[in-house]
Amino acid sequence: MAKLIIVPTPIGNLEDMTFRAVRVLKEADLILAEDTRTSGILLKHYDIKNKLQSHHKFNEHRQVERVAQRILAGENIALISDAGTPSISDPGFLLVRECVRMGVEVECLPGATAFVPALVVSGLPNDRFCFEGFLPPKKGRQTRLRTLATEERSILFYESPLRLLKTLAQFAETFGEDRPASVSRELSKRYEETRRGTIKDLMLHFSVNEPRGELVIVVAGFNKNRMIKQ
């Protein structure tokens, strides 16, 4: 039976591509990619020559039903994003939802995603956590942070280097500057780095060391005992 296959791609290091992912992409009738130029580099590296079509946040609303119909007609279609697992802070959810609605089989391969290694190396509790992805850039941002102020699980965020200091300042205001946290950047790449400490420590570090690359912030959950000790 034809299906939609979600294929994670490396978040930096091309060696993180799985054998299975390469095989699936080579066998697919069509590959949907967030940015065909970026994905073209990956496909060329693995000698994958299948047809590539763009599928991103600006056109996915128009495409989802048509793609699902093609799968129902017998085509195996793979979906990839620029890096990591599609639909995790990337296009993909709308297509998966439409396929489920239309009775199309959906399969997701295991593979790379940025927040899992960032959580593991943070040194913060990882038995329970919540993933927030990117915060709203403006409207609703403060409301969301206030909601998370008493969240007891470790909290994970994606952020751009241009907004990191502003975000950390907002965290300090909402969570308290002594809340433990970590910032991981360039995961799996040559200059991978994780800085750990309090939110205040991280603010001081990145105020004199310009943040670069893709970032994952992990913030410790609310701890009443920590508040009492303070």
Protein backbone atom coordinates (compact mmCIF):
# COMPACT_ATOMS: atom_id res chain seq x y z
CA MET A 1 0.00 0.00 0.00
CA ALA A 2 1.29 3.47 -0.87
CA LYS A 3 1.95 5.79 2.04
CA LEU A 4 3.33 9.10 3.27
CA ILE A 5 6.73 8.58 4.88
CA ILE A 6 8.16 11.21 7.24
CA VAL A 7 11.95 11.09 6.94
CA PRO A 8 14.17 12.88 9.47
CA THR A 9 17.35 14.40 8.06
CA PRO A 10 20.60 15.39 9.83
CA ILE A 11 20.54 18.54 11.95
CA GLY A 12 24.13 19.23 10.97
CA ASN A 13 26.35 16.20 10.62
CA LEU A 14 25.59 14.34 7.39
CA GLU A 15 26.77 11.08 8.99
CA ASP A 16 23.58 11.10 11.09
CA MET A 17 21.52 10.03 8.06
CA THR A 18 20.32 6.44 8.56
CA PHE A 19 20.65 3.65 6.02
CA ARG A 20 16.89 3.26 6.10
CA ALA A 21 16.28 6.94 5.42
CA VAL A 22 18.56 6.84 2.38
CA ARG A 23 16.81 3.74 1.03
CA VAL A 24 13.35 5.23 1.53
CA LEU A 25 14.29 8.44 -0.28
CA LYS A 26 15.79 6.49 -3.16
CA GLU A 27 12.65 4.38 -3.50
CA ALA A 28 10.07 7.19 -3.12
CA ASP A 29 8.06 8.30 -6.15
CA LEU A 30 8.34 11.91 -4.96
CA ILE A 31 10.23 13.76 -2.22
CA LEU A 32 8.64 16.83 -0.67
CA ALA A 33 11.25 19.22 0.73
CA GLU A 34 11.02 22.42 2.77
CA ASP A 35 13.75 24.03 0.66
CA THR A 36 14.77 22.17 -2.48
CA ARG A 37 18.13 23.96 -2.60
CA THR A 38 19.08 22.87 0.93
CA SER A 39 17.76 19.34 0.46
CA GLY A 40 19.46 19.11 -2.92
CA ILE A 41 22.83 19.20 -1.19
CA LEU A 42 21.84 16.27 1.06
CA LEU A 43 20.39 14.24 -1.80
CA LYS A 44 23.44 14.80 -3.96
CA HIS A 45 25.70 13.66 -1.10
CA TYR A 46 23.83 10.34 -0.95
CA ASP A 47 23.34 10.04 -4.71
CA ILE A 48 19.57 10.27 -4.42
CA LYS A 49 18.15 11.37 -7.77
CA ASN A 50 14.39 11.18 -7.24
CA LYS A 51 12.04 14.01 -8.14
CA LEU A 52 12.04 16.84 -5.60
CA GLN A 53 9.16 19.25 -4.96
CA SER A 54 8.95 22.16 -2.52
CA HIS A 55 6.60 21.86 0.45
CA HIS A 56 6.84 24.70 2.95
CA LYS A 57 4.71 26.86 5.22
CA PHE A 58 3.75 29.18 2.37
CA ASN A 59 2.29 26.52 0.09
CA GLU A 60 1.40 23.55 2.29
CA HIS A 61 -2.23 24.64 2.77
CA ARG A 62 -2.76 24.48 -0.99
CA GLN A 63 -0.93 21.19 -1.47
CA VAL A 64 -2.04 18.81 1.26
CA GLU A 65 -5.20 17.46 -0.35
CA ARG A 66 -3.51 17.03 -3.73
CA VAL A 67 -0.58 15.17 -2.17
CA ALA A 68 -2.91 12.87 -0.24
CA GLN A 69 -4.80 12.13 -3.47
CA ARG A 70 -1.56 11.17 -5.20
CA ILE A 71 -0.77 8.70 -2.43
CA LEU A 72 -4.27 7.22 -2.68
CA ALA A 73 -3.60 6.81 -6.40
CA GLY A 74 -0.57 4.63 -5.59
CA GLU A 75 2.46 6.90 -5.14
CA ASN A 76 4.84 6.61 -2.21
CA ILE A 77 5.72 10.14 -1.12
CA ALA A 78 8.46 11.08 1.34
CA LEU A 79 8.52 14.33 3.31
CA ILE A 80 11.74 15.92 4.55
CA SER A 81 12.56 19.28 6.12
CA ASP A 82 15.77 21.30 6.04
CA ALA A 83 16.97 19.55 9.20
CA GLY A 84 15.53 17.20 11.79
CA THR A 85 12.11 15.59 11.87
CA PRO A 86 9.36 17.19 9.76
CA SER A 87 6.40 18.71 11.68
CA ILE A 88 8.57 19.41 14.76
CA SER A 89 8.73 23.20 14.40
CA ASP A 90 8.76 22.55 10.64
CA PRO A 91 6.11 21.94 7.96
CA GLY A 92 4.45 18.54 8.09
CA PHE A 93 1.57 18.57 10.55
CA LEU A 94 -1.03 19.78 8.05
CA LEU A 95 -0.10 17.08 5.55
CA VAL A 96 -0.12 14.33 8.16
CA ARG A 97 -3.51 15.50 9.43
CA GLU A 98 -4.97 15.52 5.92
CA CYS A 99 -3.60 12.05 5.17
CA VAL A 100 -5.08 10.70 8.39
CA ARG A 101 -8.42 12.33 7.52
CA MET A 102 -8.42 10.75 4.06
CA GLY A 103 -7.36 7.31 5.28
CA VAL A 104 -3.83 7.50 3.87
CA GLU A 105 -1.22 5.45 5.71
CA VAL A 106 1.45 7.57 7.44
CA GLU A 107 4.81 6.26 8.61
CA CYS A 108 7.48 8.22 10.48
CA LEU A 109 11.08 7.02 10.56
CA PRO A 110 13.06 7.55 13.76
CA GLY A 111 15.93 9.96 13.43
CA ALA A 112 17.55 13.27 14.19
CA THR A 113 15.89 16.05 16.14
CA ALA A 114 17.64 18.84 18.04
CA PHE A 115 15.83 18.96 21.36
CA VAL A 116 16.59 15.40 22.52
CA PRO A 117 20.42 15.68 22.59
CA ALA A 118 20.13 19.20 24.04
CA LEU A 119 17.98 17.88 26.90
CA VAL A 120 20.26 14.92 27.57
CA VAL A 121 23.47 16.98 27.77
CA SER A 122 21.87 19.82 29.76
CA GLY A 123 22.28 17.95 33.04
CA LEU A 124 18.73 18.96 33.96
CA PRO A 125 16.01 16.43 34.85
CA ASN A 126 14.85 14.62 31.72
CA ASP A 127 12.44 12.04 33.06
CA ARG A 128 9.61 14.50 32.43
CA PHE A 129 9.79 17.51 30.12
CA CYS A 130 7.70 19.75 27.88
CA PHE A 131 8.67 20.98 24.44
CA GLU A 132 7.64 24.54 23.54
CA GLY A 133 9.53 24.98 20.27
CA PHE A 134 9.65 28.62 19.18
CA LEU A 135 7.77 31.06 21.40
CA PRO A 136 5.38 33.48 19.71
CA PRO A 137 7.57 36.33 18.39
CA LYS A 138 5.29 39.07 19.76
CA LYS A 139 1.62 38.61 20.56
CA GLY A 140 1.05 36.03 23.27
CA ARG A 141 4.72 35.67 24.21
CA GLN A 142 4.49 37.09 27.73
CA THR A 143 1.23 35.27 28.38
CA ARG A 144 2.83 31.98 27.39
CA LEU A 145 5.85 32.59 29.62
CA ARG A 146 3.67 33.41 32.61
CA THR A 147 1.80 30.17 32.05
CA LEU A 148 5.11 28.28 32.15
CA ALA A 149 6.42 30.02 35.28
CA THR A 150 5.15 27.22 37.55
CA GLU A 151 5.71 24.35 35.11
CA GLU A 152 7.52 21.66 37.11
CA ARG A 153 8.96 19.77 34.15
CA SER A 154 12.12 20.82 32.29
CA ILE A 155 11.11 23.17 29.47
CA LEU A 156 12.67 23.15 26.00
CA PHE A 157 12.68 26.05 23.56
CA TYR A 158 14.10 26.69 20.10
CA GLU A 159 15.54 30.15 19.52
CA SER A 160 17.52 32.11 16.97
CA PRO A 161 20.87 33.70 17.92
CA LEU A 162 19.46 37.16 17.15
CA ARG A 163 16.79 36.82 19.85
CA LEU A 164 18.71 34.81 22.46
CA LEU A 165 19.67 37.64 24.84
CA LYS A 166 16.20 39.16 24.70
CA THR A 167 14.66 35.76 25.41
CA LEU A 168 17.00 35.06 28.32
CA ALA A 169 16.14 38.47 29.78
CA GLN A 170 12.45 37.60 29.56
CA PHE A 171 13.16 34.24 31.19
CA ALA A 172 14.99 35.99 34.03
CA GLU A 173 12.02 38.28 34.56
CA THR A 174 9.45 35.49 34.48
CA PHE A 175 11.28 32.46 35.89
CA GLY A 176 13.87 34.22 38.04
CA GLU A 177 17.50 34.82 37.12
CA ASP A 178 18.69 32.01 39.40
CA ARG A 179 16.71 29.30 37.58
CA PRO A 180 19.13 26.63 36.20
CA ALA A 181 19.25 26.43 32.42
CA SER A 182 21.43 25.48 29.45
CA VAL A 183 21.92 26.67 25.90
CA SER A 184 23.09 24.22 23.23
CA ARG A 185 24.20 25.40 19.80
CA GLU A 186 25.39 23.81 16.58
CA LEU A 187 24.41 20.34 17.78
CA SER A 188 26.20 17.54 15.89
CA LYS A 189 28.39 20.08 14.07
CA ARG A 190 32.08 20.92 14.42
CA TYR A 191 31.55 23.79 16.88
CA GLU A 192 28.91 22.12 19.03
CA GLU A 193 28.74 23.72 22.45
CA THR A 194 26.54 23.59 25.55
CA ARG A 195 26.68 26.28 28.22
CA ARG A 196 25.14 25.52 31.60
CA GLY A 197 24.40 27.63 34.67
CA THR A 198 21.71 29.95 35.91
CA ILE A 199 19.79 32.14 33.52
CA LYS A 200 21.87 35.04 34.83
CA ASP A 201 25.10 33.13 34.07
CA LEU A 202 23.95 32.52 30.52
CA MET A 203 22.99 36.16 30.02
CA LEU A 204 26.44 37.26 31.14
CA HIS A 205 28.19 34.72 28.91
CA PHE A 206 26.27 35.54 25.74
CA SER A 207 26.48 39.28 26.32
CA VAL A 208 30.24 39.01 25.67
CA ASN A 209 30.21 35.92 23.42
CA GLU A 210 28.03 36.44 20.38
CA PRO A 211 25.63 33.49 20.01
CA ARG A 212 25.78 31.73 16.66
CA GLY A 213 24.02 28.83 15.03
CA GLU A 214 20.78 27.07 15.81
CA LEU A 215 19.97 27.12 19.52
CA VAL A 216 18.09 24.94 21.99
CA ILE A 217 17.39 26.35 25.46
CA VAL A 218 16.55 24.04 28.34
CA VAL A 219 15.12 25.62 31.50
CA ALA A 220 14.73 23.71 34.76
CA GLY A 221 11.17 23.29 35.97
CA PHE A 222 9.70 25.20 38.88
CA ASN A 223 10.93 23.85 42.21
CA LYS A 224 9.29 25.04 45.44
CA ASN A 225 12.22 23.79 47.52
CA ARG A 226 14.62 25.88 45.47
CA MET A 227 12.45 28.94 46.07
CA ILE A 228 12.44 28.31 49.82
CA LYS A 229 16.24 28.02 49.94
CA GLN A 230 16.55 31.34 48.17
